[in-house]
Amino acid sequence: SLLELIQKARKQYRTIEVEVENLNDAILAAKAGASIIMLDNRAPKEISKIVNTLKKLHLRDKIRIEASGGIDFTNIQSYARTGVD
């Protein structure tokens, strides 16, 4: 499971980055101790939902959130407003 993989990796590495597919995986990764959650090819609206949910669960301050894929000069402001790092 994702939880077991993160916990195993924490024993060997100081920084653990996990690419997640959805909100539930993001919550699980944050609770399991991931250092960075990567959101690849996600729309700003979906990213905002994930960031805000992690804040409500008091998990946001424990992790960094990275967005990638499909970001360019025409939409970078929308992504910046989502709250990602």
Protein backbone atom coordinates (compact mmCIF):
# COMPACT_ATOMS: atom_id res chain seq x y z
CA SER A 1 0.00 0.00 0.00
CA LEU A 2 1.00 3.64 -0.36
CA LEU A 3 1.20 3.97 3.41
CA GLU A 4 3.62 1.05 3.73
CA LEU A 5 5.82 2.30 0.88
CA ILE A 6 6.15 5.78 2.39
CA GLN A 7 6.88 4.44 5.87
CA LYS A 8 9.53 2.09 4.47
CA ALA A 9 11.15 4.90 2.46
CA ARG A 10 11.21 7.19 5.54
CA LYS A 11 13.68 4.78 7.14
CA GLN A 12 16.24 5.34 4.36
CA TYR A 13 15.57 8.81 2.99
CA ARG A 14 15.08 12.26 4.49
CA THR A 15 12.86 13.56 1.69
CA ILE A 16 10.05 11.51 0.19
CA GLU A 17 8.17 12.86 -2.84
CA VAL A 18 4.96 11.12 -3.85
CA GLU A 19 2.96 11.72 -7.02
CA VAL A 20 -0.72 11.32 -6.19
CA GLU A 21 -3.70 10.75 -8.45
CA ASN A 22 -6.50 12.14 -6.30
CA LEU A 23 -7.53 13.83 -3.06
CA ASN A 24 -7.67 10.60 -1.05
CA ASP A 25 -4.12 9.67 -2.07
CA ALA A 26 -2.92 13.17 -1.14
CA ILE A 27 -4.44 12.83 2.33
CA LEU A 28 -2.95 9.36 2.77
CA ALA A 29 0.49 10.52 1.61
CA ALA A 30 0.44 13.48 3.98
CA LYS A 31 -0.65 11.34 6.92
CA ALA A 32 1.99 8.73 6.10
CA GLY A 33 4.79 11.28 6.29
CA ALA A 34 5.54 12.23 2.69
CA SER A 35 7.72 15.33 2.44
CA ILE A 36 6.40 16.48 -0.93
CA ILE A 37 3.16 15.75 -2.74
CA MET A 38 3.36 16.14 -6.50
CA LEU A 39 0.25 16.96 -8.51
CA ASP A 40 0.99 16.35 -12.18
CA ASN A 41 -1.33 17.51 -14.96
CA ARG A 42 -4.06 18.64 -12.58
CA ALA A 43 -6.34 21.62 -13.16
CA PRO A 44 -6.01 24.59 -10.79
CA LYS A 45 -9.50 23.92 -9.39
CA GLU A 46 -8.57 20.37 -8.41
CA ILE A 47 -5.25 21.51 -6.91
CA SER A 48 -7.03 24.18 -4.84
CA LYS A 49 -9.44 21.55 -3.51
CA ILE A 50 -6.55 19.32 -2.44
CA VAL A 51 -4.61 22.19 -0.83
CA ASN A 52 -7.68 23.46 1.04
CA THR A 53 -8.62 19.98 2.26
CA LEU A 54 -5.10 19.40 3.58
CA LYS A 55 -5.33 22.75 5.39
CA LYS A 56 -8.65 21.79 6.98
CA LEU A 57 -7.13 18.51 8.16
CA HIS A 58 -4.09 20.37 9.59
CA LEU A 59 -1.76 18.49 7.24
CA ARG A 60 -0.73 21.32 4.91
CA ASP A 61 2.04 22.71 7.13
CA LYS A 62 3.75 19.32 7.28
CA ILE A 63 4.31 18.96 3.53
CA ARG A 64 5.29 20.78 0.37
CA ILE A 65 2.98 20.62 -2.61
CA GLU A 66 4.38 20.66 -6.13
CA ALA A 67 2.38 21.21 -9.31
CA SER A 68 3.70 20.28 -12.74
CA GLY A 69 2.54 19.57 -16.25
CA GLY A 70 0.63 21.93 -18.49
CA ILE A 71 1.81 25.07 -16.71
CA ASP A 72 2.92 27.92 -18.95
CA PHE A 73 2.96 31.72 -19.13
CA THR A 74 -0.74 31.87 -20.00
CA ASN A 75 -1.95 30.03 -16.88
CA ILE A 76 0.82 30.35 -14.31
CA GLN A 77 -1.12 32.90 -12.25
CA SER A 78 -4.03 30.47 -11.89
CA TYR A 79 -1.66 27.81 -10.58
CA ALA A 80 0.10 30.27 -8.28
CA ARG A 81 -3.24 31.12 -6.63
CA THR A 82 -3.89 27.47 -5.72
CA GLY A 83 -1.53 27.57 -2.75
CA VAL A 84 1.12 25.19 -4.08
CA ASP A 85 4.74 25.71 -3.14
